[in-house]
Amino acid sequence: MAPTDLSGGVLTPDLPAAEDFRDAGKAVDRLIELYDTAAAFLCDTFSDAVINGAPRHRVRAFYPEIRITTTSFAKIDSRLSFGHVAEPGLNATTVTRPRMFRNYLVQQLKLVMDNHDVPVTIGVSDTPMPVHFAVANDAGLTVPQEGAMEFTLRDYFDVPDLSTTNDDIVNGTFQPGPDGAGALAPFTAQRVDYSLARLSHYTATAPEHFQNHVLFTNYQFYVSEFEAFARRMLADPDSGYESFVGPGNATITEPDAALDLPMKLPQMPTYHLTRPGAAGITLVNIGIGPSNAKTATDHIAVLRPHAWIMVGHCAGLRNTQSLGDFVLAHAYLREDGVLDADLPAWVPIPALAEIQIALEEAVASETRLKGYDLKRIMRTGTVASFDNRNWELRDQSGPVQRLSQSRAIALDMESATIAANGFRFRVPYGTLLCVSDKPLHGELKLPGMASDFYKTQVARHLMIGIRAMETLREMPLERIHSRKLRSFDETAFL
């Protein structure tokens, strides 16, 4: 569409006026039209500016927006944790990449419209789309660093704005704007775009490849086992899995094909075993430490996964534990500190029944142990997460006393962060760890000590995580997303 010259000499694409919709599919079609037109306009004008110099006017395009107005307290199915607003009024959200999020948007819009019997209004927001995020749609186009061009980029194009790139909604500190609109979704368009760019950077895979069920690990051993499992699934025509994707977006669809990975892996190598509708499994090797765990989950959360589970190694804290035993976290002692500003340590992180049952049943299935016999190799209880990998070198009187008082049974550096961020972002979470050392009892993680353990238990441990995710995949989404994750005044969108 031809650009329009706004007052003040600003060029913007000519787009249709806001319109009401009662069909969720058609509403999302309009979102796609608005977004694609705006992004293409920015890409075209920026590409021209790179070649021909600064544009004659400032160039601006806006994100599309969803608005919904309810006038009564509708009678809602009390079992649902999402799909409805808390009270009558106006709620709105900006939207980015609607083509990628189509299934999610159709589902959420349909629930809200059905539950409240009202239309949704689709139009153009007043939030400018940064040119950096628009050009992410064009693989052949990038925005140079400041000073690399002959003109000052910010004089002509919008750049990311931190005032609309934050976690105010999920942190419960969001304040409505001048129009009084409440938040309809947990993330604004700019916050989503920010994380999509970060995901591409840290994982070296496109966000489109991420599946709805995410496993996190802190050891490379699990990646090799995951690839071996993926190849077995690709060899089975009845498995339902379609492809295996690794860093660099390397993709195979045949079990014997070579996976052409980049020579230099990213900070958080990520692999996706895909199924239609993103119903497959993603494995992220987050490495070691709570900061990495927070970084990964901060960004994956915008994809609105159905569940994420930590499957990593831990220190066993009880003398009755053996190397290779499993730990199913029922609670978390958060001494990692990385989320204290967003989610104070006094906030409890509850266990989610659906996740816990799926994990316990998967352990029983893989080990062929049930009931009381399962206690031989698995304990449930509190997992502590520290921010110091070498905590054993400190004066042990303080840490050990706190661990004992908390009744902790295991310690690692990532699990509490992943669970706490799941709670904060309303993403169902769980933790199943494997004991790789017992530092309080003289069994340190040293070369050679755990070699037999690594060989025999890694494959089993990973398979337990996979089986748990396959169980969760068969559950209705409404059942997995627990009401425990929702606060008093929640967004209608999941």
Protein backbone atom coordinates (compact mmCIF):
# COMPACT_ATOMS: atom_id res chain seq x y z
CA MET A 1 0.00 0.00 0.00
CA ALA A 2 1.15 3.53 -0.67
CA PRO A 3 2.72 5.34 2.28
CA THR A 4 0.92 8.20 3.96
CA ASP A 5 2.66 11.42 5.00
CA LEU A 6 1.50 12.16 8.56
CA SER A 7 1.71 15.58 10.17
CA GLY A 8 5.30 16.43 10.95
CA GLY A 9 6.61 14.76 7.83
CA VAL A 10 6.37 11.13 8.92
CA LEU A 11 5.86 8.39 6.33
CA THR A 12 3.76 5.44 7.40
CA PRO A 13 2.02 2.63 5.48
CA ASP A 14 -1.63 3.07 4.56
CA LEU A 15 -3.57 0.43 6.53
CA PRO A 16 -7.27 -0.37 7.07
CA ALA A 17 -9.14 1.10 10.03
CA ALA A 18 -9.84 -0.91 13.17
CA GLU A 19 -12.54 -3.55 12.67
CA ASP A 20 -14.55 -5.89 14.90
CA PHE A 21 -14.34 -9.65 14.36
CA ARG A 22 -16.28 -12.59 15.77
CA ASP A 23 -14.29 -15.21 13.87
CA ALA A 24 -10.91 -15.90 15.49
CA GLY A 25 -9.33 -17.12 12.25
CA LYS A 26 -10.34 -14.00 10.34
CA ALA A 27 -9.17 -11.81 13.21
CA VAL A 28 -5.71 -13.39 13.03
CA ASP A 29 -5.72 -13.04 9.24
CA ARG A 30 -6.15 -9.29 9.75
CA LEU A 31 -3.33 -9.24 12.31
CA ILE A 32 -1.08 -10.94 9.75
CA GLU A 33 -2.07 -8.44 7.07
CA LEU A 34 -1.35 -5.46 9.34
CA TYR A 35 1.94 -6.84 10.58
CA ASP A 36 3.27 -8.02 7.22
CA THR A 37 2.45 -4.70 5.59
CA ALA A 38 4.13 -2.69 8.35
CA ALA A 39 7.24 -4.91 8.47
CA ALA A 40 7.61 -4.93 4.67
CA PHE A 41 7.25 -1.14 4.58
CA LEU A 42 10.07 -0.73 7.09
CA CYS A 43 12.27 -3.28 5.33
CA ASP A 44 11.78 -1.61 1.95
CA THR A 45 12.40 1.93 3.16
CA PHE A 46 15.41 0.88 5.24
CA SER A 47 16.90 -1.09 2.34
CA ASP A 48 16.50 1.98 0.14
CA ALA A 49 18.16 4.16 2.80
CA VAL A 50 21.15 1.81 2.99
CA ILE A 51 21.67 2.21 -0.77
CA ASN A 52 20.58 5.80 -1.40
CA GLY A 53 21.13 7.52 1.93
CA ALA A 54 18.81 9.07 4.49
CA PRO A 55 15.11 9.18 3.64
CA ARG A 56 13.48 12.58 3.05
CA HIS A 57 11.10 12.08 5.99
CA ARG A 58 10.99 10.11 9.21
CA VAL A 59 9.71 6.57 8.56
CA ARG A 60 7.36 4.88 11.01
CA ALA A 61 5.14 1.79 11.17
CA PHE A 62 3.15 0.41 14.08
CA TYR A 63 2.46 -2.98 15.57
CA PRO A 64 -1.06 -4.38 15.17
CA GLU A 65 -3.24 -4.52 18.26
CA ILE A 66 -6.05 -6.60 19.73
CA ARG A 67 -8.70 -4.91 21.88
CA ILE A 68 -11.60 -6.48 23.71
CA THR A 69 -14.28 -4.76 25.79
CA THR A 70 -16.43 -6.69 28.25
CA THR A 71 -19.38 -5.19 30.10
CA SER A 72 -20.35 -7.89 32.60
CA PHE A 73 -18.96 -10.56 34.88
CA ALA A 74 -19.47 -13.57 32.65
CA LYS A 75 -20.08 -17.01 34.16
CA ILE A 76 -16.81 -18.82 33.46
CA ASP A 77 -15.91 -22.48 33.80
CA SER A 78 -14.04 -22.32 37.12
CA ARG A 79 -11.69 -25.09 36.00
CA LEU A 80 -10.15 -22.84 33.35
CA SER A 81 -7.06 -20.86 34.34
CA PHE A 82 -7.11 -18.70 31.20
CA GLY A 83 -9.41 -17.57 28.38
CA HIS A 84 -11.34 -14.94 30.34
CA VAL A 85 -10.80 -11.51 31.89
CA ALA A 86 -11.08 -10.90 35.61
CA GLU A 87 -13.60 -8.05 35.43
CA PRO A 88 -15.49 -5.89 32.93
CA GLY A 89 -13.53 -3.28 31.01
CA LEU A 90 -11.10 -2.73 28.17
CA ASN A 91 -8.11 -5.02 27.66
CA ALA A 92 -5.56 -4.79 24.87
CA THR A 93 -2.24 -6.14 23.62
CA THR A 94 0.14 -5.40 20.78
CA VAL A 95 1.11 -8.33 18.55
CA THR A 96 4.21 -9.32 16.60
CA ARG A 97 4.94 -12.18 14.20
CA PRO A 98 1.26 -13.27 14.09
CA ARG A 99 2.00 -15.75 11.31
CA MET A 100 4.35 -17.67 13.61
CA PHE A 101 1.93 -17.43 16.55
CA ARG A 102 -1.19 -18.15 14.50
CA ASN A 103 -2.33 -21.32 16.31
CA TYR A 104 -1.80 -19.70 19.72
CA LEU A 105 -3.64 -16.52 18.76
CA VAL A 106 -6.62 -18.33 17.22
CA GLN A 107 -6.96 -20.50 20.32
CA GLN A 108 -6.74 -17.59 22.78
CA LEU A 109 -9.06 -15.29 20.81
CA LYS A 110 -11.69 -18.00 20.39
CA LEU A 111 -11.73 -18.73 24.12
CA VAL A 112 -12.12 -15.07 25.07
CA MET A 113 -14.84 -14.40 22.49
CA ASP A 114 -16.77 -17.56 23.39
CA ASN A 115 -16.51 -17.03 27.14
CA HIS A 116 -17.63 -13.39 27.02
CA ASP A 117 -19.77 -13.43 23.85
CA VAL A 118 -18.13 -10.27 22.52
CA PRO A 119 -16.15 -9.42 19.35
CA VAL A 120 -12.49 -8.46 19.29
CA THR A 121 -11.27 -5.30 17.62
CA ILE A 122 -8.22 -5.60 15.36
CA GLY A 123 -6.41 -2.44 14.33
CA VAL A 124 -3.14 -0.53 14.35
CA SER A 125 -1.64 0.33 17.75
CA ASP A 126 0.24 3.47 18.72
CA THR A 127 3.41 1.45 19.50
CA PRO A 128 6.07 1.99 16.81
CA MET A 129 7.77 -1.10 15.37
CA PRO A 130 11.57 -0.84 15.73
CA VAL A 131 13.34 -1.26 12.41
CA HIS A 132 15.71 -3.80 14.01
CA PHE A 133 12.81 -6.18 14.66
CA ALA A 134 11.15 -5.57 11.30
CA VAL A 135 14.24 -6.54 9.33
CA ALA A 136 14.45 -9.82 11.25
CA ASN A 137 11.86 -10.98 8.71
CA ASP A 138 14.39 -10.53 5.89
CA ALA A 139 17.40 -12.88 6.08
CA GLY A 140 19.33 -10.72 3.64
CA LEU A 141 18.98 -7.52 5.63
CA THR A 142 20.60 -6.40 8.90
CA VAL A 143 20.78 -3.13 10.80
CA PRO A 144 24.42 -1.93 11.11
CA GLN A 145 25.84 -0.72 14.41
CA GLU A 146 25.41 2.95 15.32
CA GLY A 147 27.84 5.06 13.30
CA ALA A 148 28.26 2.58 10.46
CA MET A 149 25.80 4.46 8.23
CA GLU A 150 26.03 7.93 6.78
CA PHE A 151 23.05 9.13 8.80
CA THR A 152 21.90 8.74 12.40
CA LEU A 153 19.46 5.85 12.37
CA ARG A 154 17.30 7.13 15.23
CA ASP A 155 16.65 10.37 13.39
CA TYR A 156 14.67 8.50 10.74
CA PHE A 157 13.64 5.08 12.11
CA ASP A 158 12.30 3.85 15.44
CA VAL A 159 14.67 1.76 17.56
CA PRO A 160 13.85 -0.56 20.51
CA ASP A 161 12.27 1.27 23.44
CA LEU A 162 12.86 -0.13 26.92
CA SER A 163 9.73 1.60 28.23
CA THR A 164 7.68 -1.02 26.36
CA THR A 165 10.22 -3.84 26.61
CA ASN A 166 9.87 -5.11 30.15
CA ASP A 167 8.22 -7.71 32.36
CA ASP A 168 5.77 -5.42 34.15
CA ILE A 169 2.78 -7.59 33.20
CA VAL A 170 4.12 -10.93 34.38
CA ASN A 171 5.70 -9.33 37.45
CA GLY A 172 2.37 -7.83 38.48
CA THR A 173 3.54 -4.21 38.34
CA PHE A 174 1.77 -3.20 35.10
CA GLN A 175 -0.15 0.08 35.17
CA PRO A 176 -2.83 0.81 32.52
CA GLY A 177 -2.15 3.63 30.07
CA PRO A 178 -4.21 6.81 29.59
CA ASP A 179 -7.06 4.88 27.97
CA GLY A 180 -7.32 2.59 30.99
CA ALA A 181 -6.72 -0.57 28.97
CA GLY A 182 -5.66 -3.57 30.99
CA ALA A 183 -3.21 -6.16 29.72
CA LEU A 184 -4.75 -8.86 27.52
CA ALA A 185 -1.56 -10.93 27.08
CA PRO A 186 1.52 -11.50 29.29
CA PHE A 187 3.98 -9.85 26.87
CA THR A 188 3.91 -6.79 24.63
CA ALA A 189 5.01 -7.05 21.00
CA GLN A 190 8.36 -5.39 21.64
CA ARG A 191 9.08 -7.72 24.57
CA VAL A 192 8.35 -10.71 22.32
CA ASP A 193 10.50 -9.36 19.50
CA TYR A 194 13.35 -8.72 21.93
CA SER A 195 13.28 -12.36 23.08
CA LEU A 196 12.92 -13.79 19.58
CA ALA A 197 16.12 -11.99 18.61
CA ARG A 198 17.88 -13.24 21.75
CA LEU A 199 16.78 -16.81 21.12
CA SER A 200 18.28 -16.75 17.65
CA HIS A 201 21.52 -15.43 19.12
CA TYR A 202 21.89 -17.79 22.10
CA THR A 203 20.59 -21.00 20.51
CA ALA A 204 21.51 -20.47 16.83
CA THR A 205 18.11 -21.80 15.82
CA ALA A 206 15.12 -19.87 14.50
CA PRO A 207 12.28 -19.40 17.00
CA GLU A 208 9.93 -21.13 14.57
CA HIS A 209 11.64 -24.45 15.31
CA PHE A 210 10.90 -24.43 19.05
CA GLN A 211 8.42 -27.05 20.19
CA ASN A 212 5.79 -26.76 22.92
CA HIS A 213 7.59 -29.17 25.27
CA VAL A 214 11.03 -28.03 26.39
CA LEU A 215 13.70 -30.02 28.23
CA PHE A 216 16.61 -28.19 29.86
CA THR A 217 19.88 -29.89 30.69
CA ASN A 218 23.29 -28.85 31.99
CA TYR A 219 25.36 -31.57 30.31
CA GLN A 220 26.38 -32.21 26.71
CA PHE A 221 25.96 -35.97 27.24
CA TYR A 222 22.21 -35.56 26.94
CA VAL A 223 22.48 -33.96 23.52
CA SER A 224 24.09 -37.04 21.99
CA GLU A 225 21.41 -39.26 23.49
CA PHE A 226 18.69 -36.90 22.25
CA GLU A 227 20.05 -37.04 18.72
CA ALA A 228 20.19 -40.86 18.87
CA PHE A 229 16.56 -40.95 20.02
CA ALA A 230 15.57 -38.49 17.28
CA ARG A 231 17.11 -40.66 14.60
CA ARG A 232 15.22 -43.69 15.91
CA MET A 233 12.00 -41.72 15.73
CA LEU A 234 12.70 -40.53 12.19
CA ALA A 235 13.25 -44.17 11.21
CA ASP A 236 9.80 -45.07 12.57
CA PRO A 237 7.05 -43.89 10.18
CA ASP A 238 4.48 -44.21 12.98
CA SER A 239 6.33 -42.03 15.51
CA GLY A 240 4.69 -38.80 14.36
CA TYR A 241 8.00 -36.92 14.42
CA GLU A 242 8.94 -35.09 11.22
CA SER A 243 12.41 -33.60 11.54
CA PHE A 244 15.41 -32.98 13.77
CA VAL A 245 16.86 -29.47 13.86
CA GLY A 246 20.14 -28.36 15.42
CA PRO A 247 22.19 -25.16 15.73
CA GLY A 248 22.57 -23.25 12.50
CA ASN A 249 19.05 -24.50 11.65
CA ALA A 250 20.66 -27.70 10.38
CA THR A 251 17.74 -30.01 9.59
CA ILE A 252 17.39 -33.69 8.80
CA THR A 253 14.28 -35.71 7.99
CA GLU A 254 15.99 -39.05 7.35
CA PRO A 255 17.53 -41.14 10.15
CA ASP A 256 20.90 -41.64 8.44
CA ALA A 257 21.34 -38.10 7.14
CA ALA A 258 24.28 -36.02 8.30
CA LEU A 259 23.46 -33.13 10.63
CA ASP A 260 25.55 -30.27 9.24
CA LEU A 261 26.23 -28.28 12.41
CA PRO A 262 28.30 -25.08 12.48
CA MET A 263 31.93 -25.46 13.56
CA LYS A 264 31.37 -23.01 16.41
CA LEU A 265 28.38 -23.88 18.57
CA PRO A 266 26.33 -21.15 20.29
CA GLN A 267 26.27 -20.45 24.01
CA MET A 268 23.18 -22.62 24.50
CA PRO A 269 23.08 -25.35 21.83
CA THR A 270 19.45 -26.23 21.14
CA TYR A 271 17.90 -29.16 19.30
CA HIS A 272 14.32 -29.68 18.17
CA LEU A 273 12.56 -32.97 17.43
CA THR A 274 9.55 -31.64 15.58
CA ARG A 275 5.96 -32.76 15.19
CA PRO A 276 3.04 -31.00 13.44
CA GLY A 277 1.66 -28.13 15.48
CA ALA A 278 4.93 -27.76 17.43
CA ALA A 279 3.92 -30.82 19.47
CA GLY A 280 7.46 -32.20 19.54
CA ILE A 281 10.28 -31.76 22.04
CA THR A 282 13.04 -29.16 22.28
CA LEU A 283 16.24 -29.81 24.25
CA VAL A 284 18.31 -26.83 25.42
CA ASN A 285 21.78 -27.31 26.87
CA ILE A 286 21.86 -24.25 29.10
CA GLY A 287 25.26 -25.04 30.56
CA ILE A 288 26.05 -24.32 34.19
CA GLY A 289 24.65 -21.63 36.45
CA PRO A 290 21.44 -19.82 37.43
CA SER A 291 22.20 -16.86 35.17
CA ASN A 292 22.13 -19.11 32.10
CA ALA A 293 18.93 -20.74 33.36
CA LYS A 294 17.27 -17.34 33.75
CA THR A 295 18.47 -16.13 30.35
CA ALA A 296 17.09 -19.17 28.54
CA THR A 297 13.72 -19.18 30.28
CA ASP A 298 13.30 -15.39 30.04
CA HIS A 299 13.25 -15.70 26.28
CA ILE A 300 11.63 -19.09 25.68
CA ALA A 301 8.69 -17.94 27.81
CA VAL A 302 7.43 -15.62 25.05
CA LEU A 303 6.81 -18.70 22.87
CA ARG A 304 4.22 -19.81 25.46
CA PRO A 305 5.39 -23.45 25.72
CA HIS A 306 3.05 -25.98 27.29
CA ALA A 307 5.68 -27.22 29.77
CA TRP A 308 9.37 -27.13 30.58
CA ILE A 309 11.32 -29.62 32.67
CA MET A 310 14.87 -29.65 33.99
CA VAL A 311 16.74 -32.94 33.51
CA GLY A 312 20.24 -32.43 34.85
CA HIS A 313 22.76 -33.63 37.39
CA CYS A 314 22.85 -32.73 41.06
CA ALA A 315 24.67 -33.32 44.30
CA GLY A 316 22.92 -35.82 46.54
CA LEU A 317 22.79 -34.56 50.12
CA ARG A 318 21.69 -37.72 51.94
CA ASN A 319 23.90 -40.62 52.89
CA THR A 320 21.16 -43.03 51.78
CA GLN A 321 21.41 -41.82 48.19
CA SER A 322 23.61 -43.50 45.59
CA LEU A 323 25.19 -42.18 42.41
CA GLY A 324 22.61 -42.54 39.66
CA ASP A 325 19.59 -42.13 41.93
CA PHE A 326 16.83 -39.81 40.77
CA VAL A 327 15.48 -36.75 42.57
CA LEU A 328 11.97 -35.46 41.87
CA ALA A 329 11.73 -31.91 43.18
CA HIS A 330 8.61 -31.15 45.21
CA ALA A 331 9.94 -27.82 46.53
CA TYR A 332 12.85 -25.45 46.00
CA LEU A 333 15.28 -23.62 48.26
CA ARG A 334 16.20 -20.56 46.22
CA GLU A 335 19.66 -19.30 47.11
CA ASP A 336 20.66 -18.49 43.54
CA GLY A 337 19.58 -14.85 43.85
CA VAL A 338 19.08 -14.13 40.15
CA LEU A 339 15.30 -13.66 40.37
CA ASP A 340 15.09 -11.82 43.68
CA ALA A 341 14.27 -8.49 41.99
CA ASP A 342 11.42 -10.04 39.97
CA LEU A 343 10.17 -12.81 42.27
CA PRO A 344 11.17 -12.41 45.93
CA ALA A 345 12.55 -15.49 47.66
CA TRP A 346 9.58 -15.54 50.04
CA VAL A 347 7.23 -16.43 47.16
CA PRO A 348 6.58 -20.19 47.32
CA ILE A 349 7.04 -22.24 44.14
CA PRO A 350 4.40 -25.00 44.32
CA ALA A 351 4.73 -28.43 42.77
CA LEU A 352 2.32 -28.97 39.87
CA ALA A 353 0.44 -32.24 40.14
CA GLU A 354 0.20 -32.99 36.41
CA ILE A 355 3.96 -32.55 35.90
CA GLN A 356 4.88 -34.50 39.04
CA ILE A 357 2.66 -37.44 38.14
CA ALA A 358 3.95 -37.52 34.57
CA LEU A 359 7.55 -37.60 35.80
CA GLU A 360 6.94 -40.24 38.46
CA GLU A 361 5.08 -42.48 36.02
CA ALA A 362 7.90 -42.06 33.49
CA VAL A 363 10.49 -43.11 36.09
CA ALA A 364 8.39 -46.16 36.95
CA SER A 365 8.01 -47.05 33.29
CA GLU A 366 11.71 -46.77 32.46
CA THR A 367 12.98 -48.51 35.62
CA ARG A 368 10.14 -51.05 35.87
CA LEU A 369 9.80 -50.25 39.56
CA LYS A 370 6.53 -49.24 41.19
CA GLY A 371 5.15 -48.06 44.48
CA TYR A 372 7.39 -48.62 47.49
CA ASP A 373 10.11 -50.23 45.35
CA LEU A 374 10.50 -46.96 43.44
CA LYS A 375 11.90 -45.39 46.63
CA ARG A 376 15.05 -47.47 46.15
CA ILE A 377 16.23 -45.21 43.33
CA MET A 378 14.15 -42.02 43.61
CA ARG A 379 13.52 -39.51 46.35
CA THR A 380 11.08 -36.64 46.37
CA GLY A 381 11.69 -33.47 48.33
CA THR A 382 13.36 -30.08 48.34
CA VAL A 383 16.06 -29.19 45.83
CA ALA A 384 18.38 -26.31 46.71
CA SER A 385 19.96 -24.11 44.04
CA PHE A 386 23.10 -22.09 44.82
CA ASP A 387 24.92 -19.49 42.74
CA ASN A 388 28.34 -20.84 43.72
CA ARG A 389 29.43 -24.06 42.02
CA ASN A 390 32.29 -24.45 44.51
CA TRP A 391 30.17 -24.03 47.61
CA GLU A 392 31.94 -27.01 49.17
CA LEU A 393 35.07 -24.87 49.61
CA ARG A 394 33.35 -22.39 51.92
CA ASP A 395 32.93 -22.76 55.66
CA GLN A 396 30.34 -25.51 55.64
CA SER A 397 28.73 -24.68 58.97
CA GLY A 398 26.43 -22.09 57.38
CA PRO A 399 25.39 -23.73 54.11
CA VAL A 400 25.12 -27.24 55.52
CA GLN A 401 23.02 -26.08 58.45
CA ARG A 402 20.60 -24.27 56.15
CA LEU A 403 20.41 -27.28 53.84
CA SER A 404 19.62 -29.54 56.77
CA GLN A 405 16.99 -27.16 58.17
CA SER A 406 15.33 -26.96 54.77
CA ARG A 407 15.22 -30.79 54.54
CA ALA A 408 16.89 -30.49 51.11
CA ILE A 409 17.78 -33.77 49.44
CA ALA A 410 19.77 -32.43 46.48
CA LEU A 411 21.62 -29.35 45.29
CA ASP A 412 22.28 -27.87 41.86
CA MET A 413 22.63 -24.45 40.25
CA GLU A 414 19.73 -24.26 37.80
CA SER A 415 16.56 -26.06 38.90
CA ALA A 416 15.14 -23.46 41.28
CA THR A 417 15.67 -20.73 38.68
CA ILE A 418 13.90 -22.71 35.96
CA ALA A 419 10.99 -23.56 38.26
CA ALA A 420 10.72 -20.02 39.63
CA ASN A 421 10.73 -18.49 36.16
CA GLY A 422 8.11 -21.03 35.11
CA PHE A 423 5.98 -19.84 38.00
CA ARG A 424 6.63 -16.18 37.11
CA PHE A 425 5.83 -16.66 33.43
CA ARG A 426 2.89 -19.07 34.01
CA VAL A 427 4.67 -21.94 32.22
CA PRO A 428 4.14 -25.38 33.83
CA TYR A 429 7.48 -26.61 35.19
CA GLY A 430 9.12 -29.61 36.81
CA THR A 431 12.50 -31.02 37.82
CA LEU A 432 13.94 -34.52 37.68
CA LEU A 433 17.62 -34.69 38.58
CA CYS A 434 20.19 -37.47 38.68
CA VAL A 435 22.72 -37.74 41.52
CA SER A 436 26.23 -37.43 40.09
CA ASP A 437 28.17 -36.76 43.32
CA LYS A 438 27.78 -36.66 47.11
CA PRO A 439 30.17 -33.95 48.33
CA LEU A 440 29.01 -34.11 51.96
CA HIS A 441 29.93 -37.79 52.05
CA GLY A 442 33.31 -37.80 50.34
CA GLU A 443 32.10 -38.65 46.84
CA LEU A 444 33.22 -35.66 44.80
CA LYS A 445 32.73 -35.22 41.06
CA LEU A 446 36.21 -36.22 39.89
CA PRO A 447 37.51 -37.64 36.58
CA GLY A 448 36.75 -41.34 36.30
CA MET A 449 34.63 -41.61 39.45
CA ALA A 450 31.31 -41.37 37.66
CA SER A 451 32.20 -42.87 34.29
CA ASP A 452 30.05 -45.97 34.80
CA PHE A 453 27.21 -43.78 36.01
CA TYR A 454 27.41 -41.59 32.91
CA LYS A 455 27.34 -44.59 30.60
CA THR A 456 24.39 -46.34 32.22
CA GLN A 457 22.15 -43.54 33.47
CA VAL A 458 22.25 -40.66 30.97
CA ALA A 459 20.13 -42.43 28.34
CA ARG A 460 17.63 -43.62 30.94
CA HIS A 461 17.38 -40.17 32.53
CA LEU A 462 16.77 -38.44 29.19
CA MET A 463 14.18 -41.03 28.19
CA ILE A 464 12.29 -40.36 31.41
CA GLY A 465 12.09 -36.67 30.50
CA ILE A 466 10.96 -37.53 26.98
CA ARG A 467 8.31 -39.97 28.18
CA ALA A 468 6.99 -37.41 30.65
CA MET A 469 6.67 -34.85 27.86
CA GLU A 470 4.88 -37.36 25.64
CA THR A 471 2.40 -37.97 28.45
CA LEU A 472 1.83 -34.24 28.89
CA ARG A 473 1.36 -33.85 25.12
CA GLU A 474 -1.71 -36.07 25.29
CA MET A 475 -3.32 -33.97 28.05
CA PRO A 476 -5.73 -31.15 27.23
CA LEU A 477 -3.97 -27.78 27.47
CA GLU A 478 -6.57 -26.61 29.99
CA ARG A 479 -5.51 -29.40 32.36
CA ILE A 480 -1.76 -28.81 32.15
CA HIS A 481 -1.95 -25.08 32.84
CA SER A 482 -2.63 -25.09 36.55
CA ARG A 483 -4.66 -22.41 38.31
CA LYS A 484 -1.79 -22.32 40.83
CA LEU A 485 0.12 -20.21 38.32
CA ARG A 486 -2.50 -17.47 38.06
CA SER A 487 -2.71 -14.39 40.30
CA PHE A 488 -5.75 -12.32 41.30
CA ASP A 489 -5.86 -10.12 38.20
CA GLU A 490 -4.63 -12.19 35.27
CA THR A 491 -4.35 -11.68 31.54
CA ALA A 492 -6.97 -13.52 29.49
CA PHE A 493 -4.30 -14.94 27.20
CA LEU A 494 -2.24 -17.85 28.43
